[in-house]
Structures are given as structure tokens and as C-alpha cells.
Amino acid sequence: MFPLIFSDLISLTVVVYVLARIWVNPSLEPEAVRMFRNIGITLIAAIALDHIWEYCFERSGESDL
């Protein structure tokens, strides 16, 4: 079973919520919306890579924590 790391899940939820709120805000200019969308996609990719790295690290068994 693939373990969930709840801090990554919470971070992902916050990023998606902020992106949704920015997307529906009519007072923002389209250029600003595109910029925030690109930043959000980058954050989502970073969270996914962090989750994969933590999973691989835990599976390696080399952790002394």
C-alpha cells in the first residue's frame, strides 16, 4: 500500500484551493492569473516530487530516525 504523507496532502489541498480562488476572481488581470497558475503548477510538481522522495527514502530502510 502506498503510504500517504499528510503534510504533503495538506499542502496540495492549500495550493489547489488558492488556485481555484484566484481562477474565479474576476478582478484579477489575465496575466496575473496565468502567473499564479504557473506558480501553482510548479508548487504541485514540487510537492509530488517531495512525496515520491520521502516514499523512496522510507522504503530504503536507511533512515536512523
Protein backbone atom coordinates (compact mmCIF):
# COMPACT_ATOMS: atom_id res chain seq x y z
CA MET A 1 0.00 0.00 0.00
CA PHE A 2 1.24 3.48 -0.88
CA PRO A 3 1.55 5.49 2.34
CA LEU A 4 0.14 8.99 2.36
CA ILE A 5 2.21 11.73 3.87
CA PHE A 6 -0.40 14.02 5.36
CA SER A 7 1.74 17.17 5.31
CA ASP A 8 2.04 16.81 1.51
CA LEU A 9 -1.69 16.21 1.21
CA ILE A 10 -2.46 19.33 3.27
CA SER A 11 0.00 21.40 1.20
CA LEU A 12 -1.54 20.14 -2.02
CA THR A 13 -5.03 20.99 -0.78
CA VAL A 14 -3.98 24.54 0.12
CA VAL A 15 -2.34 25.10 -3.28
CA VAL A 16 -5.38 23.79 -5.17
CA TYR A 17 -7.73 25.92 -3.04
CA VAL A 18 -5.72 29.09 -3.69
CA LEU A 19 -5.56 28.33 -7.42
CA ALA A 20 -9.33 27.82 -7.53
CA ARG A 21 -9.98 31.09 -5.69
CA ILE A 22 -7.62 33.01 -8.00
CA TRP A 23 -9.16 31.39 -11.09
CA VAL A 24 -12.69 32.58 -10.26
CA ASN A 25 -11.70 36.07 -9.10
CA PRO A 26 -12.97 38.44 -11.83
CA SER A 27 -10.95 41.43 -10.60
CA LEU A 28 -7.56 39.89 -11.45
CA GLU A 29 -5.98 40.56 -14.82
CA PRO A 30 -5.48 37.53 -17.08
CA GLU A 31 -1.70 37.95 -16.96
CA ALA A 32 -1.73 37.74 -13.16
CA VAL A 33 -3.96 34.65 -13.28
CA ARG A 34 -1.53 32.96 -15.71
CA MET A 35 1.42 33.83 -13.49
CA PHE A 36 -0.26 32.40 -10.38
CA ARG A 37 -1.36 29.32 -12.34
CA ASN A 38 2.22 28.66 -13.42
CA ILE A 39 3.46 29.12 -9.85
CA GLY A 40 0.75 26.76 -8.62
CA ILE A 41 1.69 24.09 -11.16
CA THR A 42 5.32 24.40 -10.06
CA LEU A 43 4.32 24.03 -6.41
CA ILE A 44 2.19 20.97 -7.18
CA ALA A 45 5.12 19.39 -9.05
CA ALA A 46 7.46 20.15 -6.14
CA ILE A 47 5.02 18.61 -3.65
CA ALA A 48 4.68 15.48 -5.83
CA LEU A 49 8.45 15.11 -6.11
CA ASP A 50 8.81 15.61 -2.35
CA HIS A 51 6.22 12.92 -1.72
CA ILE A 52 7.99 10.49 -4.05
CA TRP A 53 11.37 11.27 -2.47
CA GLU A 54 10.02 10.71 1.06
CA TYR A 55 8.42 7.43 -0.01
CA CYS A 56 11.66 6.19 -1.58
CA PHE A 57 13.65 7.29 1.47
CA GLU A 58 11.33 5.45 3.84
CA ARG A 59 11.40 2.31 1.67
CA SER A 60 15.20 2.27 1.54
CA GLY A 61 15.45 1.45 5.25
CA GLU A 62 18.50 3.65 5.75
CA SER A 63 16.69 6.11 7.97
CA ASP A 64 18.02 6.33 11.53
CA LEU A 65 15.12 8.47 12.69
